[in-house]
Structures are given as C-alpha cells and as structure tokens.
Amino acid sequence: MSVEVPIQRTIVPESPLIGTARATPSRQFPLLEERDVGTVAILPITGDRGLAGAFNAQILRRAFALEREIRAEGQSARWVVVGKKGRSSLRFRRYDVDQAWVDFTDRPAYSDAVAIAHRLAELYTEREVDRVVIVYNHYESPLTQRVVVEDVLPIPRTALEEEEEKSAYEIALEGDFIYEPEPEEILTRLLPTYLETSIYRALLESAASEHGARMTAMRNASKNAGELIDRLTLDMNRARQAEITQEILEVVAGADALTQ
C-alpha cells in the first residue's frame, strides 16, 4: 500500500517595494521619474576630523573627478556635503555649497539620514537637480576602504525588480495580494523610506571606514614614531660616545705635552 505525501512548496515572500511596484506599473512617482539630466547634485560623505590617512582625500579626489566628467558631458554640478573636511575643502576651492551636514559622521543616527534624504528629495522633486549621486567609502576591512559612486535619485528601477525572474508557475503559486491601503499610497510612503535607508547605509559604511582608516593610520604613526625614537637614540649614543672619545684624546694629548 502506497501513501502519497503532498509536496510542500515554500515561496519566499517578495519585498513590499517590489510587490507594490508590480501592482502599480503605470503610476508615475516623483522619486522614480527619469528625465533629461541638466544638473547633477554631488554628495561626498567625508569625516569631521582628520588623522585618518587617505580616508577624506580619496573621497574628495573621486568627487572632483566626477564633477569633471559631468561638466565634460555639458551638465552642471551642485554640491551638498557631509562632514567638516568636505565642507572646508570645497569652500577652500571656492565651490558653492548648497548645504552641509556636520558633527555626526563618527556616530550617524537615522534622523541624520532622514534630514539628508529630505533635502535631496526636495531638490529633485522641485526640479532643481535631475540626478543625485553620493560618493562614500565602502568598508571592506580596517586596511581597505573602497570608494563607491552611487546614484540615489531617481531611485533606480533595479530597486523595484527582483534579482531572479520567477516563472509563471511560481508567480501563480504566490497568488494575488490584497493591499491596505492602496498600492499607490504604500509606494508613496515606501519610496522616501527607501531613500532614507540608502543614505543611512552609506553613512554607516562611511563611519565604519573612517574608524578603520583612523585605527590603521594611528597604528602606522605609532610604528613610525617607535622607529624614529630608536634611530634618534642610536644617533644620540653615537654622538655621546664620540664626545667621550674626543675628551679622552684631549686628556691624553695634554698629559703627553706635560711630560715632554
């Protein structure tokens, strides 16, 4: 006698952002609107303090290279910046800084990301800029921080698409979702939240990178200081020995002169 065991299939629930986007394919949202790019906002995320090796320098170097690429394409650039180091460098080079956020880069809070995201969304929805790019250090290890250039506005369409395409059978198994409130309203709320979390993730990556870079810089500084102390101690001992030898030679020479 055979017993048939029903096959259980596990369907991983999709992201709310993906699900609501699929339910509202024809609706245009301000943060998703793609348009001809005339002005690009560049947001370098730097630190408030130095003594972190090349942490701040590599961010600014990449941001300035990005600005040259933008201008070469006939577009204009506007600057918003996170961190005192970025603000001071831009002002020293006589760039106009629309807004700067400082005094939190070592311990960013979500409220800081909300303030930044709100300003970026305002610039984009009011059509003051047509694209927003952030430049920050991605933490890989205390020795390695990789500079990342990421478009955050308009929100990339890839954020609304699944990495793997599902078959028609899998989609049918998922069934239809009932949304409360309407999908349009849900997506209207989710898109700003997605922007905020993207900024917050970049801030956390930058903070971790800054701590790692500073730890490495301080370790190298301590090592170099130890080597310098050893070298100077050796030079001092040699100088003192040479001085003692010279004094002995002078005493011997004086004694020889008296005996003659």
Foldseek 3Di string as FASTA:
>chain_A
DDDDDDDDDDFDDDDLLLQLCVVCVPDDDLLQDADDFAEEEEEEEAAQDDLLPCFRVVSVVVSVVVQVVQVVVVHHYAYEYEYPVVVVVCVVVPHDYPYYHYDCLLPDDLVVLLVVLVVVSVCRSVVVGRWYWYWAWADDALVDTDIDIDTPGSPDCVVNDDPDDDDPVSVVVVPDDDDPPHSVVVNNVVSSVVSSVVSVVRSVRRSVNSVSSSVVSVVVVVVVVVVVVVVVVVVVVVVVVVVVVVVVVVVVVVVVVVVD
